[in-house]
Amino acid sequence: MKPTQEELDLWIRGCKRNDKKCQRNIYELLFSPMLGVCMRYAQDRQEATDILQDGFIKVFDKIGLYDDNGSFEGWVRRIIVNTAIDAIRKRKNELLTEDTSIYQSHDDQLNEEETDQSAYKGLGINDVVEAMQQLTPVYRAVFNMYVMDGLTHQEIAEELNISVGTSKSNLSKARARIKAILQTKINGQ
């Protein structure tokens, strides 16, 4: 059951005093939605859980910085997303290589997405999440940052220490890979 705003405020104040019961209440309240965020960035549930645990440690370490303005869940989400990005950065030597491939323009991608969407009507959100998890970590990160989190290619490039062109290329490749995975799933049904 979702707590009232008064209860949530009480839990937040308790967390600021390092009250373990309040921390547990916050953790249990936000576990599922934040695990969903982590699953978008992680390759599997274990990696997502690791990111989630690291993220909640940061949340409770930094909760004194939360100023009660804006959405608490949004504040936690930003920390969790940044933790996921940090996990990707740690592996960047193997993951984030410059890719000088030619990429499609954003308009071309939109036109491509508009074609034959009816073929995907039988698919659910779990199918899309499974397809995203099959992406390489860097493609998954760029896809999530652009599509799900609304970052620009410039912001993604700065976050991941890659070029804007690489961000665009990786997004294009991620979309193509997701489309291919989903098409294979449709054809296999």
N, C-alpha and C. Protein backbone atom coordinates (compact mmCIF):
# COMPACT_ATOMS: atom_id res chain seq x y z
N MET A 1 0.83 -1.18 0.00
CA MET A 1 0.00 0.00 0.00
C MET A 1 0.89 1.25 0.00
N LYS A 2 0.52 2.18 -0.85
CA LYS A 2 1.29 3.41 -0.97
C LYS A 2 1.09 4.29 0.26
N PRO A 3 2.18 4.82 0.80
CA PRO A 3 2.06 5.66 2.00
C PRO A 3 1.47 7.03 1.66
N THR A 4 0.92 7.68 2.66
CA THR A 4 0.48 9.06 2.48
C THR A 4 1.72 9.94 2.37
N GLN A 5 1.52 11.17 1.93
CA GLN A 5 2.65 12.10 1.84
C GLN A 5 3.24 12.35 3.23
N GLU A 6 2.38 12.38 4.25
CA GLU A 6 2.87 12.57 5.63
C GLU A 6 3.77 11.42 6.05
N GLU A 7 3.35 10.19 5.74
CA GLU A 7 4.16 9.02 6.09
C GLU A 7 5.49 9.05 5.35
N LEU A 8 5.44 9.37 4.07
CA LEU A 8 6.67 9.44 3.28
C LEU A 8 7.61 10.50 3.85
N ASP A 9 7.07 11.66 4.18
CA ASP A 9 7.90 12.72 4.78
C ASP A 9 8.52 12.26 6.09
N LEU A 10 7.75 11.52 6.88
CA LEU A 10 8.25 10.98 8.14
C LEU A 10 9.40 9.99 7.89
N TRP A 11 9.23 9.13 6.89
CA TRP A 11 10.28 8.16 6.54
C TRP A 11 11.54 8.88 6.06
N ILE A 12 11.36 9.90 5.25
CA ILE A 12 12.52 10.65 4.74
C ILE A 12 13.27 11.30 5.91
N ARG A 13 12.52 11.93 6.82
CA ARG A 13 13.18 12.52 8.00
C ARG A 13 13.89 11.45 8.82
N GLY A 14 13.27 10.28 8.94
CA GLY A 14 13.90 9.17 9.66
C GLY A 14 15.18 8.72 8.97
N CYS A 15 15.15 8.66 7.65
CA CYS A 15 16.36 8.27 6.90
C CYS A 15 17.48 9.29 7.11
N LYS A 16 17.11 10.55 7.22
CA LYS A 16 18.11 11.59 7.46
C LYS A 16 18.77 11.41 8.83
N ARG A 17 18.06 10.72 9.74
CA ARG A 17 18.62 10.41 11.07
C ARG A 17 19.23 9.01 11.09
N ASN A 18 19.31 8.38 9.92
CA ASN A 18 19.88 7.03 9.77
C ASN A 18 19.04 5.95 10.46
N ASP A 19 17.72 6.15 10.49
CA ASP A 19 16.79 5.19 11.09
C ASP A 19 16.61 4.02 10.12
N LYS A 20 17.04 2.84 10.55
CA LYS A 20 17.03 1.65 9.69
C LYS A 20 15.62 1.24 9.26
N LYS A 21 14.65 1.40 10.15
CA LYS A 21 13.27 1.03 9.81
C LYS A 21 12.75 1.94 8.69
N CYS A 22 13.03 3.22 8.78
CA CYS A 22 12.61 4.16 7.73
C CYS A 22 13.32 3.85 6.42
N GLN A 23 14.61 3.51 6.50
CA GLN A 23 15.34 3.13 5.29
C GLN A 23 14.71 1.91 4.65
N ARG A 24 14.34 0.93 5.47
CA ARG A 24 13.71 -0.28 4.94
C ARG A 24 12.37 0.06 4.27
N ASN A 25 11.59 0.94 4.89
CA ASN A 25 10.31 1.35 4.32
C ASN A 25 10.49 2.01 2.95
N ILE A 26 11.45 2.91 2.85
CA ILE A 26 11.74 3.58 1.58
C ILE A 26 12.21 2.56 0.55
N TYR A 27 13.10 1.68 0.96
CA TYR A 27 13.63 0.65 0.07
C TYR A 27 12.49 -0.23 -0.46
N GLU A 28 11.62 -0.69 0.42
CA GLU A 28 10.51 -1.55 -0.01
C GLU A 28 9.53 -0.81 -0.90
N LEU A 29 9.31 0.47 -0.63
CA LEU A 29 8.40 1.28 -1.44
C LEU A 29 8.92 1.44 -2.87
N LEU A 30 10.22 1.70 -3.00
CA LEU A 30 10.79 2.04 -4.30
C LEU A 30 11.53 0.90 -4.98
N PHE A 31 11.60 -0.26 -4.34
CA PHE A 31 12.35 -1.38 -4.89
C PHE A 31 11.90 -1.73 -6.31
N SER A 32 10.63 -1.99 -6.51
CA SER A 32 10.14 -2.44 -7.82
C SER A 32 10.33 -1.40 -8.92
N PRO A 33 9.90 -0.14 -8.71
CA PRO A 33 10.10 0.81 -9.80
C PRO A 33 11.58 1.07 -10.11
N MET A 34 12.42 1.09 -9.09
CA MET A 34 13.84 1.35 -9.33
C MET A 34 14.53 0.12 -9.93
N LEU A 35 14.07 -1.08 -9.59
CA LEU A 35 14.61 -2.27 -10.24
C LEU A 35 14.28 -2.23 -11.72
N GLY A 36 13.09 -1.76 -12.05
CA GLY A 36 12.71 -1.60 -13.46
C GLY A 36 13.65 -0.66 -14.19
N VAL A 37 14.03 0.43 -13.54
CA VAL A 37 14.99 1.37 -14.13
C VAL A 37 16.32 0.66 -14.36
N CYS A 38 16.79 -0.07 -13.35
CA CYS A 38 18.07 -0.77 -13.44
C CYS A 38 18.05 -1.84 -14.53
N MET A 39 16.92 -2.52 -14.68
CA MET A 39 16.81 -3.57 -15.70
C MET A 39 17.01 -3.00 -17.11
N ARG A 40 16.65 -1.74 -17.30
CA ARG A 40 16.84 -1.12 -18.61
C ARG A 40 18.32 -0.95 -18.94
N TYR A 41 19.14 -0.81 -17.93
CA TYR A 41 20.57 -0.59 -18.14
C TYR A 41 21.39 -1.86 -18.00
N ALA A 42 20.89 -2.84 -17.28
CA ALA A 42 21.67 -4.04 -16.96
C ALA A 42 21.43 -5.14 -17.98
N GLN A 43 22.38 -6.08 -18.02
CA GLN A 43 22.27 -7.19 -18.93
C GLN A 43 21.37 -8.29 -18.37
N ASP A 44 21.30 -8.39 -17.06
CA ASP A 44 20.47 -9.41 -16.44
C ASP A 44 20.01 -8.92 -15.07
N ARG A 45 19.16 -9.71 -14.44
CA ARG A 45 18.59 -9.31 -13.15
C ARG A 45 19.67 -9.17 -12.07
N GLN A 46 20.68 -10.03 -12.09
CA GLN A 46 21.73 -9.95 -11.08
C GLN A 46 22.48 -8.62 -11.18
N GLU A 47 22.84 -8.23 -12.39
CA GLU A 47 23.53 -6.95 -12.57
C GLU A 47 22.61 -5.79 -12.16
N ALA A 48 21.33 -5.89 -12.51
CA ALA A 48 20.37 -4.85 -12.12
C ALA A 48 20.27 -4.74 -10.60
N THR A 49 20.24 -5.88 -9.94
CA THR A 49 20.16 -5.89 -8.48
C THR A 49 21.41 -5.27 -7.86
N ASP A 50 22.57 -5.56 -8.43
CA ASP A 50 23.82 -4.96 -7.94
C ASP A 50 23.78 -3.44 -8.08
N ILE A 51 23.33 -2.98 -9.25
CA ILE A 51 23.23 -1.53 -9.48
C ILE A 51 22.24 -0.92 -8.49
N LEU A 52 21.12 -1.61 -8.30
CA LEU A 52 20.09 -1.12 -7.38
C LEU A 52 20.63 -0.98 -5.96
N GLN A 53 21.36 -2.00 -5.51
CA GLN A 53 21.92 -1.95 -4.15
C GLN A 53 22.90 -0.78 -4.01
N ASP A 54 23.79 -0.64 -5.00
CA ASP A 54 24.74 0.48 -4.97
C ASP A 54 24.00 1.81 -4.97
N GLY A 55 22.94 1.88 -5.78
CA GLY A 55 22.16 3.11 -5.86
C GLY A 55 21.50 3.47 -4.55
N PHE A 56 20.91 2.48 -3.88
CA PHE A 56 20.25 2.77 -2.61
C PHE A 56 21.26 3.15 -1.53
N ILE A 57 22.45 2.60 -1.58
CA ILE A 57 23.49 3.03 -0.64
C ILE A 57 23.76 4.52 -0.84
N LYS A 58 23.86 4.94 -2.12
CA LYS A 58 24.08 6.36 -2.41
C LYS A 58 22.89 7.21 -1.98
N VAL A 59 21.67 6.69 -2.21
CA VAL A 59 20.48 7.43 -1.80
C VAL A 59 20.52 7.72 -0.30
N PHE A 60 20.81 6.69 0.49
CA PHE A 60 20.80 6.88 1.94
C PHE A 60 22.01 7.70 2.42
N ASP A 61 23.12 7.63 1.69
CA ASP A 61 24.27 8.47 2.03
C ASP A 61 24.00 9.95 1.73
N LYS A 62 23.22 10.21 0.66
CA LYS A 62 23.00 11.58 0.20
C LYS A 62 21.63 12.13 0.59
N ILE A 63 20.86 11.39 1.35
CA ILE A 63 19.48 11.81 1.62
C ILE A 63 19.42 13.16 2.33
N GLY A 64 20.47 13.52 3.02
CA GLY A 64 20.53 14.84 3.65
C GLY A 64 20.49 15.97 2.64
N LEU A 65 20.84 15.68 1.39
CA LEU A 65 20.83 16.69 0.33
C LEU A 65 19.44 16.88 -0.27
N TYR A 66 18.53 15.93 -0.03
CA TYR A 66 17.17 16.07 -0.56
C TYR A 66 16.49 17.20 0.19
N ASP A 67 15.95 18.18 -0.55
CA ASP A 67 15.43 19.39 0.09
C ASP A 67 13.90 19.45 0.15
N ASP A 68 13.24 18.34 -0.04
CA ASP A 68 11.77 18.25 0.04
C ASP A 68 11.06 18.99 -1.09
N ASN A 69 11.79 19.53 -2.03
CA ASN A 69 11.17 20.15 -3.20
C ASN A 69 11.19 19.14 -4.34
N GLY A 70 10.09 19.04 -5.03
CA GLY A 70 10.03 18.10 -6.14
C GLY A 70 9.74 16.69 -5.66
N SER A 71 9.69 15.80 -6.60
CA SER A 71 9.35 14.41 -6.34
C SER A 71 10.52 13.66 -5.69
N PHE A 72 10.26 13.03 -4.56
CA PHE A 72 11.29 12.22 -3.92
C PHE A 72 11.65 11.04 -4.82
N GLU A 73 10.64 10.41 -5.42
CA GLU A 73 10.91 9.28 -6.31
C GLU A 73 11.75 9.72 -7.50
N GLY A 74 11.49 10.90 -8.03
CA GLY A 74 12.30 11.43 -9.13
C GLY A 74 13.74 11.66 -8.71
N TRP A 75 13.93 12.15 -7.50
CA TRP A 75 15.28 12.36 -6.96
C TRP A 75 16.01 11.03 -6.83
N VAL A 76 15.32 10.01 -6.29
CA VAL A 76 15.92 8.68 -6.16
C VAL A 76 16.22 8.11 -7.54
N ARG A 77 15.30 8.27 -8.48
CA ARG A 77 15.49 7.75 -9.85
C ARG A 77 16.76 8.33 -10.47
N ARG A 78 16.99 9.62 -10.29
CA ARG A 78 18.18 10.26 -10.87
C ARG A 78 19.44 9.63 -10.29
N ILE A 79 19.46 9.36 -8.99
CA ILE A 79 20.62 8.71 -8.37
C ILE A 79 20.81 7.30 -8.91
N ILE A 80 19.72 6.56 -9.08
CA ILE A 80 19.79 5.19 -9.59
C ILE A 80 20.30 5.20 -11.03
N VAL A 81 19.79 6.10 -11.86
CA VAL A 81 20.26 6.19 -13.26
C VAL A 81 21.74 6.54 -13.28
N ASN A 82 22.15 7.50 -12.47
CA ASN A 82 23.57 7.87 -12.43
C ASN A 82 24.44 6.71 -11.96
N THR A 83 23.93 5.91 -11.04
CA THR A 83 24.66 4.73 -10.58
C THR A 83 24.81 3.73 -11.71
N ALA A 84 23.76 3.55 -12.50
CA ALA A 84 23.83 2.65 -13.66
C ALA A 84 24.85 3.16 -14.67
N ILE A 85 24.85 4.45 -14.91
CA ILE A 85 25.82 5.03 -15.84
C ILE A 85 27.23 4.86 -15.29
N ASP A 86 27.41 5.04 -14.00
CA ASP A 86 28.73 4.82 -13.38
C ASP A 86 29.19 3.38 -13.58
N ALA A 87 28.28 2.43 -13.45
CA ALA A 87 28.64 1.02 -13.66
C ALA A 87 29.11 0.79 -15.09
N ILE A 88 28.46 1.45 -16.02
CA ILE A 88 28.87 1.33 -17.43
C ILE A 88 30.23 1.98 -17.64
N ARG A 89 30.45 3.14 -17.02
CA ARG A 89 31.75 3.81 -17.15
C ARG A 89 32.89 2.93 -16.64
N LYS A 90 32.64 2.19 -15.57
CA LYS A 90 33.68 1.33 -15.01
C LYS A 90 34.13 0.28 -16.01
N ARG A 91 33.25 -0.09 -16.90
CA ARG A 91 33.59 -1.10 -17.91
C ARG A 91 33.93 -0.46 -19.25
N LYS A 92 34.11 0.85 -19.28
CA LYS A 92 34.21 1.53 -20.56
C LYS A 92 35.38 1.09 -21.42
N ASN A 93 36.46 0.64 -20.86
CA ASN A 93 37.59 0.22 -21.69
C ASN A 93 37.19 -0.89 -22.65
N GLU A 94 36.33 -1.77 -22.22
CA GLU A 94 35.89 -2.86 -23.09
C GLU A 94 34.63 -2.52 -23.85
N LEU A 95 33.89 -1.51 -23.38
CA LEU A 95 32.57 -1.27 -23.95
C LEU A 95 32.48 -0.04 -24.84
N LEU A 96 33.09 1.04 -24.44
CA LEU A 96 32.88 2.30 -25.13
C LEU A 96 34.03 2.62 -26.07
N THR A 97 33.98 2.03 -27.22
CA THR A 97 35.00 2.31 -28.22
C THR A 97 34.41 3.23 -29.27
N GLU A 98 35.25 4.05 -29.81
CA GLU A 98 34.78 4.93 -30.86
C GLU A 98 34.34 4.11 -32.06
N ASP A 99 33.17 4.40 -32.56
CA ASP A 99 32.64 3.71 -33.72
C ASP A 99 32.45 4.76 -34.81
N THR A 100 33.18 4.63 -35.87
CA THR A 100 33.14 5.64 -36.91
C THR A 100 32.19 5.28 -38.04
N SER A 101 31.29 4.34 -37.78
CA SER A 101 30.30 3.96 -38.79
C SER A 101 29.42 5.15 -39.13
N ILE A 102 28.89 5.13 -40.32
CA ILE A 102 27.94 6.15 -40.73
C ILE A 102 26.62 5.86 -40.04
N TYR A 103 25.99 6.88 -39.51
CA TYR A 103 24.73 6.69 -38.81
C TYR A 103 23.62 7.40 -39.56
N GLN A 104 22.40 6.93 -39.31
CA GLN A 104 21.25 7.54 -39.93
C GLN A 104 20.92 8.85 -39.23
N SER A 105 20.30 9.75 -39.94
CA SER A 105 19.83 10.97 -39.29
C SER A 105 18.61 10.63 -38.44
N HIS A 106 18.29 11.50 -37.52
CA HIS A 106 17.15 11.27 -36.63
C HIS A 106 15.86 11.15 -37.45
N ASP A 107 15.71 11.96 -38.51
CA ASP A 107 14.50 11.88 -39.35
C ASP A 107 14.39 10.53 -40.02
N ASP A 108 15.50 10.00 -40.52
CA ASP A 108 15.48 8.68 -41.14
C ASP A 108 15.04 7.63 -40.14
N GLN A 109 15.51 7.75 -38.90
CA GLN A 109 15.13 6.78 -37.87
C GLN A 109 13.64 6.86 -37.60
N LEU A 110 13.09 8.07 -37.54
CA LEU A 110 11.67 8.21 -37.27
C LEU A 110 10.85 7.62 -38.41
N ASN A 111 11.26 7.87 -39.65
CA ASN A 111 10.54 7.31 -40.79
C ASN A 111 10.60 5.79 -40.76
N GLU A 112 11.74 5.24 -40.40
CA GLU A 112 11.91 3.80 -40.33
C GLU A 112 11.00 3.21 -39.26
N GLU A 113 10.87 3.93 -38.12
CA GLU A 113 10.04 3.44 -37.03
C GLU A 113 8.57 3.45 -37.38
N GLU A 114 8.15 4.39 -38.25
CA GLU A 114 6.74 4.50 -38.60
C GLU A 114 6.29 3.37 -39.51
N THR A 115 7.20 2.72 -40.19
CA THR A 115 6.82 1.69 -41.14
C THR A 115 6.55 0.38 -40.44
N ASP A 116 5.48 -0.25 -40.82
CA ASP A 116 5.13 -1.60 -40.40
C ASP A 116 5.08 -1.81 -38.89
N GLN A 117 4.54 -0.84 -38.17
CA GLN A 117 4.40 -1.00 -36.73
C GLN A 117 3.34 -2.03 -36.38
N SER A 118 2.42 -2.30 -37.30
CA SER A 118 1.36 -3.28 -37.02
C SER A 118 1.92 -4.67 -36.78
N ALA A 119 3.09 -4.96 -37.30
CA ALA A 119 3.70 -6.28 -37.11
C ALA A 119 4.08 -6.52 -35.65
N TYR A 120 4.21 -5.45 -34.87
CA TYR A 120 4.66 -5.57 -33.49
C TYR A 120 3.51 -5.56 -32.47
N LYS A 121 2.28 -5.56 -32.94
CA LYS A 121 1.13 -5.42 -32.03
C LYS A 121 1.01 -6.55 -31.02
N GLY A 122 1.47 -7.75 -31.33
CA GLY A 122 1.34 -8.87 -30.41
C GLY A 122 2.39 -8.90 -29.32
N LEU A 123 3.29 -7.96 -29.34
CA LEU A 123 4.39 -7.96 -28.37
C LEU A 123 4.03 -7.14 -27.14
N GLY A 124 4.56 -7.57 -26.01
CA GLY A 124 4.34 -6.85 -24.76
C GLY A 124 5.60 -6.16 -24.30
N ILE A 125 5.48 -5.43 -23.21
CA ILE A 125 6.62 -4.70 -22.66
C ILE A 125 7.75 -5.64 -22.27
N ASN A 126 7.41 -6.83 -21.79
CA ASN A 126 8.45 -7.79 -21.41
C ASN A 126 9.28 -8.21 -22.62
N ASP A 127 8.65 -8.31 -23.79
CA ASP A 127 9.39 -8.65 -25.00
C ASP A 127 10.40 -7.56 -25.34
N VAL A 128 9.99 -6.31 -25.18
CA VAL A 128 10.89 -5.19 -25.48
C VAL A 128 12.04 -5.15 -24.47
N VAL A 129 11.72 -5.34 -23.18
CA VAL A 129 12.77 -5.35 -22.15
C VAL A 129 13.76 -6.48 -22.42
N GLU A 130 13.26 -7.65 -22.77
CA GLU A 130 14.16 -8.77 -23.09
C GLU A 130 15.05 -8.43 -24.28
N ALA A 131 14.49 -7.77 -25.28
CA ALA A 131 15.29 -7.37 -26.45
C ALA A 131 16.35 -6.36 -26.03
N MET A 132 15.99 -5.42 -25.18
CA MET A 132 16.96 -4.42 -24.72
C MET A 132 18.09 -5.07 -23.95
N GLN A 133 17.78 -6.10 -23.19
CA GLN A 133 18.81 -6.77 -22.39
C GLN A 133 19.79 -7.55 -23.25
N GLN A 134 19.42 -7.82 -24.49
CA GLN A 134 20.33 -8.52 -25.39
C GLN A 134 21.30 -7.58 -26.08
N LEU A 135 21.10 -6.28 -25.92
CA LEU A 135 22.03 -5.31 -26.50
C LEU A 135 23.34 -5.33 -25.74
N THR A 136 24.40 -4.88 -26.40
CA THR A 136 25.65 -4.70 -25.68
C THR A 136 25.41 -3.61 -24.63
N PRO A 137 26.18 -3.60 -23.56
CA PRO A 137 25.95 -2.58 -22.52
C PRO A 137 25.99 -1.15 -23.03
N VAL A 138 26.88 -0.85 -23.94
CA VAL A 138 26.96 0.53 -24.43
C VAL A 138 25.74 0.88 -25.28
N TYR A 139 25.28 -0.02 -26.14
CA TYR A 139 24.09 0.25 -26.93
C TYR A 139 22.88 0.42 -26.01
N ARG A 140 22.77 -0.44 -25.01
CA ARG A 140 21.66 -0.38 -24.07
C ARG A 140 21.69 0.96 -23.31
N ALA A 141 22.87 1.38 -22.89
CA ALA A 141 22.99 2.63 -22.15
C ALA A 141 22.57 3.82 -23.01
N VAL A 142 23.08 3.90 -24.22
CA VAL A 142 22.74 5.02 -25.10
C VAL A 142 21.25 5.00 -25.41
N PHE A 143 20.70 3.83 -25.72
CA PHE A 143 19.27 3.70 -26.01
C PHE A 143 18.44 4.21 -24.83
N ASN A 144 18.76 3.75 -23.63
CA ASN A 144 18.00 4.16 -22.45
C ASN A 144 18.14 5.64 -22.17
N MET A 145 19.35 6.15 -22.28
CA MET A 145 19.57 7.56 -21.98
C MET A 145 18.81 8.45 -22.96
N TYR A 146 18.77 8.05 -24.24
CA TYR A 146 18.11 8.87 -25.25
C TYR A 146 16.60 8.66 -25.25
N VAL A 147 16.18 7.40 -25.34
CA VAL A 147 14.76 7.10 -25.50
C VAL A 147 13.99 7.19 -24.18
N MET A 148 14.53 6.60 -23.14
CA MET A 148 13.79 6.51 -21.88
C MET A 148 14.01 7.72 -20.97
N ASP A 149 15.24 8.23 -20.93
CA ASP A 149 15.55 9.32 -20.01
C ASP A 149 15.52 10.70 -20.68
N GLY A 150 15.41 10.74 -22.01
CA GLY A 150 15.26 11.99 -22.72
C GLY A 150 16.50 12.85 -22.83
N LEU A 151 17.68 12.27 -22.68
CA LEU A 151 18.91 13.04 -22.81
C LEU A 151 19.21 13.29 -24.29
N THR A 152 19.90 14.39 -24.57
CA THR A 152 20.33 14.68 -25.93
C THR A 152 21.61 13.90 -26.22
N HIS A 153 21.96 13.83 -27.49
CA HIS A 153 23.21 13.15 -27.84
C HIS A 153 24.41 13.86 -27.23
N GLN A 154 24.34 15.18 -27.13
CA GLN A 154 25.43 15.93 -26.49
C GLN A 154 25.57 15.53 -25.03
N GLU A 155 24.44 15.42 -24.32
CA GLU A 155 24.48 15.03 -22.91
C GLU A 155 24.99 13.60 -22.74
N ILE A 156 24.55 12.72 -23.63
CA ILE A 156 25.01 11.32 -23.58
C ILE A 156 26.51 11.27 -23.82
N ALA A 157 26.97 12.02 -24.81
CA ALA A 157 28.40 12.04 -25.13
C ALA A 157 29.21 12.49 -23.92
N GLU A 158 28.74 13.51 -23.25
CA GLU A 158 29.45 14.01 -22.07
C GLU A 158 29.42 12.99 -20.92
N GLU A 159 28.26 12.37 -20.70
CA GLU A 159 28.13 11.39 -19.61
C GLU A 159 29.03 10.18 -19.83
N LEU A 160 29.07 9.69 -21.07
CA LEU A 160 29.80 8.45 -21.36
C LEU A 160 31.19 8.69 -21.93
N ASN A 161 31.56 9.96 -22.09
CA ASN A 161 32.87 10.30 -22.62
C ASN A 161 33.09 9.71 -24.01
N ILE A 162 32.10 9.92 -24.88
CA ILE A 162 32.18 9.49 -26.27
C ILE A 162 31.82 10.69 -27.13
N SER A 163 31.98 10.56 -28.43
CA SER A 163 31.61 11.66 -29.32
C SER A 163 30.10 11.64 -29.58
N VAL A 164 29.58 12.78 -30.03
CA VAL A 164 28.17 12.87 -30.38
C VAL A 164 27.86 11.90 -31.52
N GLY A 165 28.76 11.80 -32.48
CA GLY A 165 28.57 10.87 -33.60
C GLY A 165 28.49 9.42 -33.14
N THR A 166 29.30 9.07 -32.16
CA THR A 166 29.27 7.71 -31.62
C THR A 166 27.94 7.47 -30.91
N SER A 167 27.46 8.46 -30.19
CA SER A 167 26.16 8.33 -29.53
C SER A 167 25.06 8.09 -30.56
N LYS A 168 25.06 8.87 -31.63
CA LYS A 168 24.04 8.70 -32.68
C LYS A 168 24.16 7.34 -33.35
N SER A 169 25.38 6.94 -33.63
CA SER A 169 25.62 5.64 -34.25
C SER A 169 25.15 4.51 -33.35
N ASN A 170 25.50 4.59 -32.08
CA ASN A 170 25.11 3.54 -31.14
C ASN A 170 23.60 3.47 -30.97
N LEU A 171 22.93 4.62 -30.97
CA LEU A 171 21.47 4.62 -30.88
C LEU A 171 20.86 3.96 -32.11
N SER A 172 21.36 4.31 -33.27
CA SER A 172 20.86 3.71 -34.51
C SER A 172 21.04 2.20 -34.50
N LYS A 173 22.22 1.76 -34.09
CA LYS A 173 22.50 0.32 -34.04
C LYS A 173 21.64 -0.38 -32.98
N ALA A 174 21.43 0.28 -31.86
CA ALA A 174 20.58 -0.30 -30.81
C ALA A 174 19.16 -0.48 -31.32
N ARG A 175 18.64 0.54 -31.98
CA ARG A 175 17.27 0.44 -32.52
C ARG A 175 17.18 -0.67 -33.56
N ALA A 176 18.17 -0.74 -34.42
CA ALA A 176 18.16 -1.79 -35.45
C ALA A 176 18.23 -3.17 -34.81
N ARG A 177 19.04 -3.31 -33.79
CA ARG A 177 19.19 -4.61 -33.11
C ARG A 177 17.89 -4.99 -32.39
N ILE A 178 17.28 -4.05 -31.70
CA ILE A 178 16.00 -4.32 -31.03
C ILE A 178 14.96 -4.73 -32.06
N LYS A 179 14.90 -4.00 -33.16
CA LYS A 179 13.94 -4.32 -34.22
C LYS A 179 14.18 -5.73 -34.75
N ALA A 180 15.44 -6.09 -34.97
CA ALA A 180 15.77 -7.43 -35.48
C ALA A 180 15.38 -8.51 -34.47
N ILE A 181 15.66 -8.27 -33.21
CA ILE A 181 15.32 -9.24 -32.16
C ILE A 181 13.81 -9.43 -32.10
N LEU A 182 13.06 -8.33 -32.13
CA LEU A 182 11.60 -8.42 -32.06
C LEU A 182 11.04 -9.08 -33.32
N GLN A 183 11.62 -8.77 -34.46
CA GLN A 183 11.16 -9.38 -35.72
C GLN A 183 11.38 -10.89 -35.68
N THR A 184 12.53 -11.31 -35.16
CA THR A 184 12.81 -12.75 -35.02
C THR A 184 11.80 -13.39 -34.09
N LYS A 185 11.45 -12.70 -33.02
CA LYS A 185 10.46 -13.22 -32.07
C LYS A 185 9.09 -13.36 -32.74
N ILE A 186 8.71 -12.37 -33.53
CA ILE A 186 7.43 -12.41 -34.24
C ILE A 186 7.41 -13.56 -35.24
N ASN A 187 8.48 -13.69 -35.99
CA ASN A 187 8.56 -14.75 -37.01
C ASN A 187 8.59 -16.13 -36.38
N GLY A 188 9.09 -16.22 -35.15
CA GLY A 188 9.19 -17.51 -34.47
C GLY A 188 7.89 -17.93 -33.80
N GLN A 189 6.93 -17.01 -33.70
CA GLN A 189 5.68 -17.33 -33.01
C GLN A 189 4.74 -18.12 -33.88
